[in-house]
């Protein structure tokens, strides 16, 4: 029998990577200080904790504030400190290609998350459908677009959000893209599960013109009723210089992204199978090099895992 990967085209499941590792958000729980027998001591501890946490939120891409928070938590005997260190180590291991080490840290972090994670969300779980920890803190949230519009500022105050999954965006894209806090996003996933609320050309044109997405690396806009006007706006955009991976499957044009086959045993991309479709060649002839068309040949994993971004 022929290997199922031999001639299989690239088949990216919409939002598959977006929901990997996520859990349904439980009811929020406050984290009370366990130290100090008098109110003054407790208030000082809470103030220190809040200051350290706020520093993480203010610098979502930096490890230093997270390590400072971990140091503080370690001194209090709080397992969250160990969790933060494990997830930071996981990210480093993935970047260095140390798979066994990454697996060990992932298992350690997951065990701690299952035991204590509800206490570490800072109330974000009560505002969203799903949330995921990365580098020790809630970084990825899945939320209905209308609810996001209503609670966006609170979400960004409560957590160092870097990955946003929005559902049923429709004509809300213009409003959503006005928030300067989007500048801290490295991935944006726009879902249309119902099939009733696509962003269309108008939505992708707005994304391509947004002044707040210069750090965005991954964009998911599959099955969004986008045509060539939206696609060409994305290609012409100078506002998305960091973009390395885009999912455009299921729109009103041939998928222009590099297609590939995977090795059935390892799941890795077969290098000699990678090809750029005709539309991809046409777009680069018109707009120049577009790195996000070449994710299969330029990235280690397609799509990149949250921990890699």
C-alpha atoms as a PDB file:
ATOM      1  CA  UNK A   1       0.000   0.000   0.000  1.00  0.00           C
ATOM      2  CA  UNK A   2       1.248   3.474  -0.834  1.00  0.00           C
ATOM      3  CA  UNK A   3       2.196   5.722   2.059  1.00  0.00           C
ATOM      4  CA  UNK A   4      -0.725   8.042   2.861  1.00  0.00           C
ATOM      5  CA  UNK A   5       1.707  10.953   2.940  1.00  0.00           C
ATOM      6  CA  UNK A   6       3.221  10.369  -0.454  1.00  0.00           C
ATOM      7  CA  UNK A   7       0.907  12.627  -2.460  1.00  0.00           C
ATOM      8  CA  UNK A   8      -1.259  14.133   0.248  1.00  0.00           C
ATOM      9  CA  UNK A   9      -1.608  17.919  -0.109  1.00  0.00           C
ATOM     10  CA  UNK A  10      -1.192  20.162   2.847  1.00  0.00           C
ATOM     11  CA  UNK A  11      -4.405  19.918   4.827  1.00  0.00           C
ATOM     12  CA  UNK A  12      -4.480  22.326   7.719  1.00  0.00           C
ATOM     13  CA  UNK A  13      -7.430  21.945  10.017  1.00  0.00           C
ATOM     14  CA  UNK A  14      -8.837  25.407  10.795  1.00  0.00           C
ATOM     15  CA  UNK A  15      -8.002  26.385  14.354  1.00  0.00           C
ATOM     16  CA  UNK A  16      -6.572  22.938  15.113  1.00  0.00           C
ATOM     17  CA  UNK A  17      -3.399  24.406  16.536  1.00  0.00           C
ATOM     18  CA  UNK A  18      -5.358  27.242  18.114  1.00  0.00           C
ATOM     19  CA  UNK A  19      -7.230  24.913  20.456  1.00  0.00           C
ATOM     20  CA  UNK A  20      -4.426  22.433  21.139  1.00  0.00           C
ATOM     21  CA  UNK A  21      -3.805  22.095  24.850  1.00  0.00           C
ATOM     22  CA  UNK A  22      -6.642  24.371  25.829  1.00  0.00           C
ATOM     23  CA  UNK A  23      -9.145  23.513  28.520  1.00  0.00           C
ATOM     24  CA  UNK A  24     -12.612  24.818  29.156  1.00  0.00           C
ATOM     25  CA  UNK A  25     -12.410  27.747  31.514  1.00  0.00           C
ATOM     26  CA  UNK A  26     -13.758  26.901  34.962  1.00  0.00           C
ATOM     27  CA  UNK A  27     -15.236  29.412  37.335  1.00  0.00           C
ATOM     28  CA  UNK A  28     -12.611  31.867  38.514  1.00  0.00           C
ATOM     29  CA  UNK A  29     -11.057  31.586  41.954  1.00  0.00           C
ATOM     30  CA  UNK A  30      -9.144  34.180  43.876  1.00  0.00           C
ATOM     31  CA  UNK A  31      -5.698  33.376  45.220  1.00  0.00           C
ATOM     32  CA  UNK A  32      -5.455  34.342  48.886  1.00  0.00           C
ATOM     33  CA  UNK A  33      -2.106  34.862  50.543  1.00  0.00           C
ATOM     34  CA  UNK A  34      -1.179  32.045  52.894  1.00  0.00           C
ATOM     35  CA  UNK A  35       1.441  34.029  54.765  1.00  0.00           C
ATOM     36  CA  UNK A  36       1.212  36.405  57.682  1.00  0.00           C
ATOM     37  CA  UNK A  37      -1.014  36.306  60.738  1.00  0.00           C
ATOM     38  CA  UNK A  38      -1.912  39.969  60.736  1.00  0.00           C
ATOM     39  CA  UNK A  39      -3.581  42.176  58.192  1.00  0.00           C
ATOM     40  CA  UNK A  40      -0.546  44.419  57.689  1.00  0.00           C
ATOM     41  CA  UNK A  41       1.739  41.531  56.683  1.00  0.00           C
ATOM     42  CA  UNK A  42      -0.890  40.131  54.340  1.00  0.00           C
ATOM     43  CA  UNK A  43      -1.375  43.522  52.668  1.00  0.00           C
ATOM     44  CA  UNK A  44       2.375  43.942  52.127  1.00  0.00           C
ATOM     45  CA  UNK A  45       2.629  40.468  50.609  1.00  0.00           C
ATOM     46  CA  UNK A  46      -0.382  41.082  48.371  1.00  0.00           C
ATOM     47  CA  UNK A  47       1.067  44.422  47.258  1.00  0.00           C
ATOM     48  CA  UNK A  48       4.410  42.814  46.369  1.00  0.00           C
ATOM     49  CA  UNK A  49       2.687  40.034  44.484  1.00  0.00           C
ATOM     50  CA  UNK A  50       0.504  42.469  42.539  1.00  0.00           C
ATOM     51  CA  UNK A  51       3.462  44.664  41.644  1.00  0.00           C
ATOM     52  CA  UNK A  52       5.390  41.682  40.302  1.00  0.00           C
ATOM     53  CA  UNK A  53       2.361  40.370  38.417  1.00  0.00           C
ATOM     54  CA  UNK A  54       1.658  43.770  36.886  1.00  0.00           C
ATOM     55  CA  UNK A  55       5.271  43.908  35.691  1.00  0.00           C
ATOM     56  CA  UNK A  56       4.704  40.654  33.780  1.00  0.00           C
ATOM     57  CA  UNK A  57       1.541  42.037  32.183  1.00  0.00           C
ATOM     58  CA  UNK A  58       3.336  45.253  31.239  1.00  0.00           C
ATOM     59  CA  UNK A  59       6.153  43.374  29.455  1.00  0.00           C
ATOM     60  CA  UNK A  60       4.447  40.266  28.017  1.00  0.00           C
ATOM     61  CA  UNK A  61       7.372  39.207  25.812  1.00  0.00           C
ATOM     62  CA  UNK A  62      10.090  39.421  28.474  1.00  0.00           C
ATOM     63  CA  UNK A  63      11.260  36.548  30.673  1.00  0.00           C
ATOM     64  CA  UNK A  64      12.870  38.701  33.374  1.00  0.00           C
ATOM     65  CA  UNK A  65       9.624  39.828  35.085  1.00  0.00           C
ATOM     66  CA  UNK A  66       8.388  36.235  35.039  1.00  0.00           C
ATOM     67  CA  UNK A  67      11.545  35.000  36.704  1.00  0.00           C
ATOM     68  CA  UNK A  68      11.251  37.747  39.314  1.00  0.00           C
ATOM     69  CA  UNK A  69       7.704  36.603  40.032  1.00  0.00           C
ATOM     70  CA  UNK A  70       8.915  32.986  40.229  1.00  0.00           C
ATOM     71  CA  UNK A  71      11.616  33.976  42.747  1.00  0.00           C
ATOM     72  CA  UNK A  72       9.016  35.659  44.936  1.00  0.00           C
ATOM     73  CA  UNK A  73       6.634  32.693  44.720  1.00  0.00           C
ATOM     74  CA  UNK A  74       9.434  30.240  45.522  1.00  0.00           C
ATOM     75  CA  UNK A  75      10.144  32.143  48.718  1.00  0.00           C
ATOM     76  CA  UNK A  76       6.486  31.812  49.679  1.00  0.00           C
ATOM     77  CA  UNK A  77       6.441  28.076  48.958  1.00  0.00           C
ATOM     78  CA  UNK A  78       3.918  28.627  46.160  1.00  0.00           C
ATOM     79  CA  UNK A  79       4.064  25.945  43.413  1.00  0.00           C
ATOM     80  CA  UNK A  80       3.265  28.587  40.807  1.00  0.00           C
ATOM     81  CA  UNK A  81       6.949  29.543  40.914  1.00  0.00           C
ATOM     82  CA  UNK A  82       7.945  26.014  39.901  1.00  0.00           C
ATOM     83  CA  UNK A  83       5.299  26.060  37.172  1.00  0.00           C
ATOM     84  CA  UNK A  84       6.623  29.322  35.721  1.00  0.00           C
ATOM     85  CA  UNK A  85      10.168  27.954  35.626  1.00  0.00           C
ATOM     86  CA  UNK A  86       9.038  24.687  34.024  1.00  0.00           C
ATOM     87  CA  UNK A  87       7.170  26.446  31.227  1.00  0.00           C
ATOM     88  CA  UNK A  88      10.031  28.859  30.589  1.00  0.00           C
ATOM     89  CA  UNK A  89      12.393  25.881  30.394  1.00  0.00           C
ATOM     90  CA  UNK A  90       9.959  24.179  27.999  1.00  0.00           C
ATOM     91  CA  UNK A  91      10.113  27.145  25.630  1.00  0.00           C
ATOM     92  CA  UNK A  92      13.920  27.206  25.741  1.00  0.00           C
ATOM     93  CA  UNK A  93      14.091  23.472  25.066  1.00  0.00           C
ATOM     94  CA  UNK A  94      11.774  23.768  22.064  1.00  0.00           C
ATOM     95  CA  UNK A  95      13.834  26.597  20.613  1.00  0.00           C
ATOM     96  CA  UNK A  96      17.023  24.552  20.967  1.00  0.00           C
ATOM     97  CA  UNK A  97      15.450  21.401  19.523  1.00  0.00           C
ATOM     98  CA  UNK A  98      15.881  19.400  22.757  1.00  0.00           C
ATOM     99  CA  UNK A  99      12.746  17.283  22.388  1.00  0.00           C
ATOM    100  CA  UNK A 100      13.295  14.925  25.320  1.00  0.00           C
ATOM    101  CA  UNK A 101      14.000  17.830  27.638  1.00  0.00           C
ATOM    102  CA  UNK A 102      10.956  19.673  26.329  1.00  0.00           C
ATOM    103  CA  UNK A 103       8.774  16.634  26.948  1.00  0.00           C
ATOM    104  CA  UNK A 104       9.997  16.385  30.537  1.00  0.00           C
ATOM    105  CA  UNK A 105       9.264  20.035  31.282  1.00  0.00           C
ATOM    106  CA  UNK A 106       5.885  19.823  29.559  1.00  0.00           C
ATOM    107  CA  UNK A 107       4.866  16.888  31.747  1.00  0.00           C
ATOM    108  CA  UNK A 108       6.025  18.674  34.895  1.00  0.00           C
ATOM    109  CA  UNK A 109       4.136  21.836  34.006  1.00  0.00           C
ATOM    110  CA  UNK A 110       0.981  19.985  33.024  1.00  0.00           C
ATOM    111  CA  UNK A 111       0.845  18.134  36.333  1.00  0.00           C
ATOM    112  CA  UNK A 112       1.134  21.418  38.232  1.00  0.00           C
ATOM    113  CA  UNK A 113      -1.460  23.092  36.024  1.00  0.00           C
ATOM    114  CA  UNK A 114      -3.977  20.333  36.636  1.00  0.00           C
ATOM    115  CA  UNK A 115      -3.470  20.609  40.388  1.00  0.00           C
ATOM    116  CA  UNK A 116      -3.345  24.380  40.811  1.00  0.00           C
ATOM    117  CA  UNK A 117      -4.069  26.133  37.514  1.00  0.00           C
ATOM    118  CA  UNK A 118      -7.482  27.482  38.480  1.00  0.00           C
ATOM    119  CA  UNK A 119      -5.822  29.720  41.077  1.00  0.00           C
ATOM    120  CA  UNK A 120      -3.380  31.231  38.591  1.00  0.00           C
ATOM    121  CA  UNK A 121      -5.679  32.703  35.924  1.00  0.00           C
ATOM    122  CA  UNK A 122      -6.262  36.040  37.705  1.00  0.00           C
ATOM    123  CA  UNK A 123      -9.940  35.836  36.800  1.00  0.00           C
ATOM    124  CA  UNK A 124      -9.377  35.543  33.045  1.00  0.00           C
ATOM    125  CA  UNK A 125     -11.130  32.170  32.967  1.00  0.00           C
ATOM    126  CA  UNK A 126     -14.393  33.855  33.962  1.00  0.00           C
ATOM    127  CA  UNK A 127     -14.212  36.172  30.940  1.00  0.00           C
ATOM    128  CA  UNK A 128     -13.391  33.736  28.132  1.00  0.00           C
ATOM    129  CA  UNK A 129     -14.386  30.344  26.752  1.00  0.00           C
ATOM    130  CA  UNK A 130     -10.908  28.814  26.882  1.00  0.00           C
ATOM    131  CA  UNK A 131      -7.547  29.865  28.229  1.00  0.00           C
ATOM    132  CA  UNK A 132      -4.052  28.438  27.997  1.00  0.00           C
ATOM    133  CA  UNK A 133      -0.903  29.008  30.021  1.00  0.00           C
ATOM    134  CA  UNK A 134       2.373  29.714  28.290  1.00  0.00           C
ATOM    135  CA  UNK A 135       5.651  30.666  29.992  1.00  0.00           C
ATOM    136  CA  UNK A 136       3.852  30.426  33.335  1.00  0.00           C
ATOM    137  CA  UNK A 137       0.904  32.765  32.745  1.00  0.00           C
ATOM    138  CA  UNK A 138      -2.317  32.867  30.764  1.00  0.00           C
ATOM    139  CA  UNK A 139      -1.177  34.000  27.326  1.00  0.00           C
ATOM    140  CA  UNK A 140      -3.788  32.516  25.018  1.00  0.00           C
ATOM    141  CA  UNK A 141      -7.539  33.045  25.194  1.00  0.00           C
ATOM    142  CA  UNK A 142     -10.505  31.995  23.084  1.00  0.00           C
ATOM    143  CA  UNK A 143     -13.464  34.332  23.261  1.00  0.00           C
ATOM    144  CA  UNK A 144     -16.578  35.286  21.312  1.00  0.00           C
ATOM    145  CA  UNK A 145     -15.952  38.478  19.346  1.00  0.00           C
ATOM    146  CA  UNK A 146     -18.827  40.421  20.888  1.00  0.00           C
ATOM    147  CA  UNK A 147     -17.719  39.537  24.406  1.00  0.00           C
ATOM    148  CA  UNK A 148     -14.161  40.457  23.496  1.00  0.00           C
ATOM    149  CA  UNK A 149     -15.257  43.914  22.355  1.00  0.00           C
ATOM    150  CA  UNK A 150     -17.003  44.393  25.692  1.00  0.00           C
ATOM    151  CA  UNK A 151     -14.155  43.099  27.896  1.00  0.00           C
ATOM    152  CA  UNK A 152     -10.943  43.572  25.889  1.00  0.00           C
ATOM    153  CA  UNK A 153      -9.373  46.165  28.159  1.00  0.00           C
ATOM    154  CA  UNK A 154     -10.036  44.048  31.237  1.00  0.00           C
ATOM    155  CA  UNK A 155      -8.562  40.954  29.583  1.00  0.00           C
ATOM    156  CA  UNK A 156      -5.334  42.742  28.726  1.00  0.00           C
ATOM    157  CA  UNK A 157      -5.125  44.169  32.244  1.00  0.00           C
ATOM    158  CA  UNK A 158      -5.520  40.743  33.812  1.00  0.00           C
ATOM    159  CA  UNK A 159      -3.035  38.715  31.754  1.00  0.00           C
ATOM    160  CA  UNK A 160      -0.039  39.043  29.416  1.00  0.00           C
ATOM    161  CA  UNK A 161      -2.090  37.985  26.401  1.00  0.00           C
ATOM    162  CA  UNK A 162      -0.026  37.246  23.288  1.00  0.00           C
ATOM    163  CA  UNK A 163      -2.317  34.815  21.462  1.00  0.00           C
ATOM    164  CA  UNK A 164      -5.940  35.663  20.679  1.00  0.00           C
ATOM    165  CA  UNK A 165      -8.590  33.327  19.259  1.00  0.00           C
ATOM    166  CA  UNK A 166     -11.787  35.137  18.261  1.00  0.00           C
ATOM    167  CA  UNK A 167     -14.987  33.460  17.098  1.00  0.00           C
ATOM    168  CA  UNK A 168     -17.841  34.881  15.028  1.00  0.00           C
ATOM    169  CA  UNK A 169     -16.092  38.160  14.229  1.00  0.00           C
ATOM    170  CA  UNK A 170     -18.098  39.191  11.163  1.00  0.00           C
ATOM    171  CA  UNK A 171     -18.398  42.960  10.828  1.00  0.00           C
ATOM    172  CA  UNK A 172     -16.812  43.559  14.251  1.00  0.00           C
ATOM    173  CA  UNK A 173     -13.312  43.430  12.790  1.00  0.00           C
ATOM    174  CA  UNK A 174     -13.103  47.210  12.419  1.00  0.00           C
ATOM    175  CA  UNK A 175     -13.951  47.787  16.081  1.00  0.00           C
ATOM    176  CA  UNK A 176     -11.649  45.021  17.285  1.00  0.00           C
ATOM    177  CA  UNK A 177      -8.654  46.340  15.371  1.00  0.00           C
ATOM    178  CA  UNK A 178      -8.842  49.775  16.993  1.00  0.00           C
ATOM    179  CA  UNK A 179      -7.358  48.554  20.287  1.00  0.00           C
ATOM    180  CA  UNK A 180      -3.649  49.467  20.674  1.00  0.00           C
ATOM    181  CA  UNK A 181      -3.167  46.503  23.038  1.00  0.00           C
ATOM    182  CA  UNK A 182      -3.209  44.273  19.950  1.00  0.00           C
ATOM    183  CA  UNK A 183       0.391  45.370  19.491  1.00  0.00           C
ATOM    184  CA  UNK A 184       1.435  42.652  21.949  1.00  0.00           C
ATOM    185  CA  UNK A 185      -0.095  39.819  19.893  1.00  0.00           C
ATOM    186  CA  UNK A 186       2.114  37.287  18.142  1.00  0.00           C
ATOM    187  CA  UNK A 187      -0.788  35.173  16.878  1.00  0.00           C
ATOM    188  CA  UNK A 188      -4.361  35.972  15.877  1.00  0.00           C
ATOM    189  CA  UNK A 189      -6.872  33.251  15.029  1.00  0.00           C
ATOM    190  CA  UNK A 190     -10.232  34.267  13.583  1.00  0.00           C
ATOM    191  CA  UNK A 191     -12.840  31.523  13.574  1.00  0.00           C
ATOM    192  CA  UNK A 192     -16.161  31.202  11.771  1.00  0.00           C
ATOM    193  CA  UNK A 193     -17.498  27.949  13.143  1.00  0.00           C
ATOM    194  CA  UNK A 194     -21.126  28.778  12.397  1.00  0.00           C
ATOM    195  CA  UNK A 195     -20.316  29.861   8.855  1.00  0.00           C
ATOM    196  CA  UNK A 196     -22.530  32.889   9.431  1.00  0.00           C
ATOM    197  CA  UNK A 197     -20.020  35.570  10.431  1.00  0.00           C
ATOM    198  CA  UNK A 198     -17.053  35.731   8.029  1.00  0.00           C
ATOM    199  CA  UNK A 199     -14.827  38.788   8.005  1.00  0.00           C
ATOM    200  CA  UNK A 200     -14.695  38.861   4.192  1.00  0.00           C
ATOM    201  CA  UNK A 201     -12.464  41.149   2.178  1.00  0.00           C
ATOM    202  CA  UNK A 202     -13.318  44.112   4.394  1.00  0.00           C
ATOM    203  CA  UNK A 203     -12.005  42.321   7.476  1.00  0.00           C
ATOM    204  CA  UNK A 204      -8.728  41.162   5.945  1.00  0.00           C
ATOM    205  CA  UNK A 205      -8.126  44.583   4.410  1.00  0.00           C
ATOM    206  CA  UNK A 206      -8.577  46.067   7.891  1.00  0.00           C
ATOM    207  CA  UNK A 207      -6.097  43.561   9.354  1.00  0.00           C
ATOM    208  CA  UNK A 208      -3.591  44.360   6.608  1.00  0.00           C
ATOM    209  CA  UNK A 209      -3.860  48.073   7.381  1.00  0.00           C
ATOM    210  CA  UNK A 210      -3.816  47.857  11.186  1.00  0.00           C
ATOM    211  CA  UNK A 211      -1.036  49.871  12.857  1.00  0.00           C
ATOM    212  CA  UNK A 212      -1.136  47.558  15.888  1.00  0.00           C
ATOM    213  CA  UNK A 213      -0.096  44.198  14.402  1.00  0.00           C
ATOM    214  CA  UNK A 214       3.555  44.752  13.554  1.00  0.00           C
ATOM    215  CA  UNK A 215       4.601  41.959  15.915  1.00  0.00           C
ATOM    216  CA  UNK A 216       2.071  39.440  14.575  1.00  0.00           C
ATOM    217  CA  UNK A 217       3.719  36.219  13.385  1.00  0.00           C
ATOM    218  CA  UNK A 218       0.769  33.874  12.827  1.00  0.00           C
ATOM    219  CA  UNK A 219      -2.600  34.720  11.274  1.00  0.00           C
ATOM    220  CA  UNK A 220      -5.515  32.286  10.912  1.00  0.00           C
ATOM    221  CA  UNK A 221      -8.264  33.451   8.542  1.00  0.00           C
ATOM    222  CA  UNK A 222      -9.538  30.210   7.030  1.00  0.00           C
ATOM    223  CA  UNK A 223     -13.115  29.964   5.688  1.00  0.00           C
ATOM    224  CA  UNK A 224     -13.740  33.703   5.970  1.00  0.00           C
ATOM    225  CA  UNK A 225     -15.275  34.367   2.522  1.00  0.00           C
ATOM    226  CA  UNK A 226     -12.177  36.300   1.476  1.00  0.00           C
ATOM    227  CA  UNK A 227     -11.546  36.987  -2.213  1.00  0.00           C
ATOM    228  CA  UNK A 228      -8.630  38.329  -4.227  1.00  0.00           C
ATOM    229  CA  UNK A 229      -9.100  41.955  -3.048  1.00  0.00           C
ATOM    230  CA  UNK A 230      -8.489  40.890   0.554  1.00  0.00           C
ATOM    231  CA  UNK A 231      -5.627  38.580  -0.385  1.00  0.00           C
ATOM    232  CA  UNK A 232      -3.873  41.254  -2.421  1.00  0.00           C
ATOM    233  CA  UNK A 233      -4.278  43.759   0.417  1.00  0.00           C
ATOM    234  CA  UNK A 234      -2.480  41.284   2.680  1.00  0.00           C
ATOM    235  CA  UNK A 235       0.287  40.838   0.109  1.00  0.00           C
ATOM    236  CA  UNK A 236       0.723  44.591  -0.334  1.00  0.00           C
ATOM    237  CA  UNK A 237       0.679  45.361   3.388  1.00  0.00           C
ATOM    238  CA  UNK A 238       3.710  46.976   5.013  1.00  0.00           C
ATOM    239  CA  UNK A 239       2.011  46.841   8.417  1.00  0.00           C
ATOM    240  CA  UNK A 240       2.706  43.135   9.086  1.00  0.00           C
ATOM    241  CA  UNK A 241       6.509  42.797   8.818  1.00  0.00           C
ATOM    242  CA  UNK A 242       6.759  39.897  11.300  1.00  0.00           C
ATOM    243  CA  UNK A 243       4.207  37.606   9.629  1.00  0.00           C
ATOM    244  CA  UNK A 244       5.615  34.124   8.924  1.00  0.00           C
ATOM    245  CA  UNK A 245       2.544  31.872   8.735  1.00  0.00           C
ATOM    246  CA  UNK A 246      -0.977  32.446   7.412  1.00  0.00           C
ATOM    247  CA  UNK A 247      -3.829  29.969   7.035  1.00  0.00           C
ATOM    248  CA  UNK A 248      -6.027  30.941   4.085  1.00  0.00           C
ATOM    249  CA  UNK A 249      -7.700  27.583   3.460  1.00  0.00           C
ATOM    250  CA  UNK A 250     -11.351  27.653   2.403  1.00  0.00           C
ATOM    251  CA  UNK A 251     -11.556  31.138   0.927  1.00  0.00           C
ATOM    252  CA  UNK A 252     -12.563  32.252  -2.592  1.00  0.00           C
ATOM    253  CA  UNK A 253      -9.239  31.584  -4.285  1.00  0.00           C
ATOM    254  CA  UNK A 254      -6.693  28.829  -4.761  1.00  0.00           C
ATOM    255  CA  UNK A 255      -4.640  28.432  -1.598  1.00  0.00           C
ATOM    256  CA  UNK A 256      -1.365  30.262  -2.433  1.00  0.00           C
ATOM    257  CA  UNK A 257       0.628  28.911   0.542  1.00  0.00           C
ATOM    258  CA  UNK A 258       3.345  26.293   0.043  1.00  0.00           C
ATOM    259  CA  UNK A 259       1.864  22.797  -0.064  1.00  0.00           C
ATOM    260  CA  UNK A 260       3.684  19.750   1.265  1.00  0.00           C
ATOM    261  CA  UNK A 261       3.483  16.105   2.283  1.00  0.00           C
ATOM    262  CA  UNK A 262       4.351  14.684   5.691  1.00  0.00           C
ATOM    263  CA  UNK A 263       6.370  11.604   6.539  1.00  0.00           C
ATOM    264  CA  UNK A 264       3.821   9.102   7.832  1.00  0.00           C
ATOM    265  CA  UNK A 265       6.165   7.822  10.547  1.00  0.00           C
ATOM    266  CA  UNK A 266       7.524  11.094  11.952  1.00  0.00           C
ATOM    267  CA  UNK A 267       4.938  13.656  10.906  1.00  0.00           C
ATOM    268  CA  UNK A 268       7.734  15.893   9.619  1.00  0.00           C
ATOM    269  CA  UNK A 269       7.553  17.741   6.316  1.00  0.00           C
ATOM    270  CA  UNK A 270       9.086  15.907   3.350  1.00  0.00           C
ATOM    271  CA  UNK A 271      11.404  18.611   1.921  1.00  0.00           C
ATOM    272  CA  UNK A 272      11.235  17.451  -1.684  1.00  0.00           C
ATOM    273  CA  UNK A 273       7.427  17.574  -1.578  1.00  0.00           C
ATOM    274  CA  UNK A 274       7.221  21.317  -0.870  1.00  0.00           C
ATOM    275  CA  UNK A 275       5.834  23.356  -3.745  1.00  0.00           C
ATOM    276  CA  UNK A 276       4.446  26.849  -4.179  1.00  0.00           C
ATOM    277  CA  UNK A 277       1.125  26.862  -6.074  1.00  0.00           C
ATOM    278  CA  UNK A 278       0.715  28.962  -9.237  1.00  0.00           C
ATOM    279  CA  UNK A 279      -1.170  31.711  -7.397  1.00  0.00           C
ATOM    280  CA  UNK A 280       1.706  31.998  -4.926  1.00  0.00           C
ATOM    281  CA  UNK A 281       4.147  32.548  -7.791  1.00  0.00           C
ATOM    282  CA  UNK A 282       1.852  35.170  -9.313  1.00  0.00           C
ATOM    283  CA  UNK A 283       1.576  37.034  -6.019  1.00  0.00           C
ATOM    284  CA  UNK A 284       5.343  37.135  -5.488  1.00  0.00           C
ATOM    285  CA  UNK A 285       5.870  38.282  -9.062  1.00  0.00           C
ATOM    286  CA  UNK A 286       3.560  41.201  -8.314  1.00  0.00           C
ATOM    287  CA  UNK A 287       4.409  41.985  -4.672  1.00  0.00           C
ATOM    288  CA  UNK A 288       7.899  40.571  -4.115  1.00  0.00           C
ATOM    289  CA  UNK A 289       9.023  38.033  -1.507  1.00  0.00           C
ATOM    290  CA  UNK A 290       6.247  37.067   0.909  1.00  0.00           C
ATOM    291  CA  UNK A 291       7.760  34.990   3.750  1.00  0.00           C
ATOM    292  CA  UNK A 292       4.379  33.719   4.948  1.00  0.00           C
ATOM    293  CA  UNK A 293       3.869  31.929   1.629  1.00  0.00           C
ATOM    294  CA  UNK A 294       6.901  29.772   2.485  1.00  0.00           C
ATOM    295  CA  UNK A 295       6.147  28.531   5.998  1.00  0.00           C
ATOM    296  CA  UNK A 296       6.688  24.893   5.008  1.00  0.00           C
ATOM    297  CA  UNK A 297      10.246  25.482   3.828  1.00  0.00           C
ATOM    298  CA  UNK A 298      11.270  28.162   6.342  1.00  0.00           C
ATOM    299  CA  UNK A 299       9.740  27.127   9.669  1.00  0.00           C
ATOM    300  CA  UNK A 300      10.557  24.203  11.932  1.00  0.00           C
ATOM    301  CA  UNK A 301       6.875  23.394  12.482  1.00  0.00           C
ATOM    302  CA  UNK A 302       3.768  24.373  10.514  1.00  0.00           C
ATOM    303  CA  UNK A 303       1.819  25.890  12.055  1.00  0.00           C
ATOM    304  CA  UNK A 304       4.180  26.926  14.873  1.00  0.00           C
ATOM    305  CA  UNK A 305       3.213  25.771  18.359  1.00  0.00           C
ATOM    306  CA  UNK A 306       2.229  28.456  20.838  1.00  0.00           C
ATOM    307  CA  UNK A 307       5.310  27.641  22.929  1.00  0.00           C
ATOM    308  CA  UNK A 308       7.569  28.401  19.963  1.00  0.00           C
ATOM    309  CA  UNK A 309       6.304  31.948  19.455  1.00  0.00           C
END
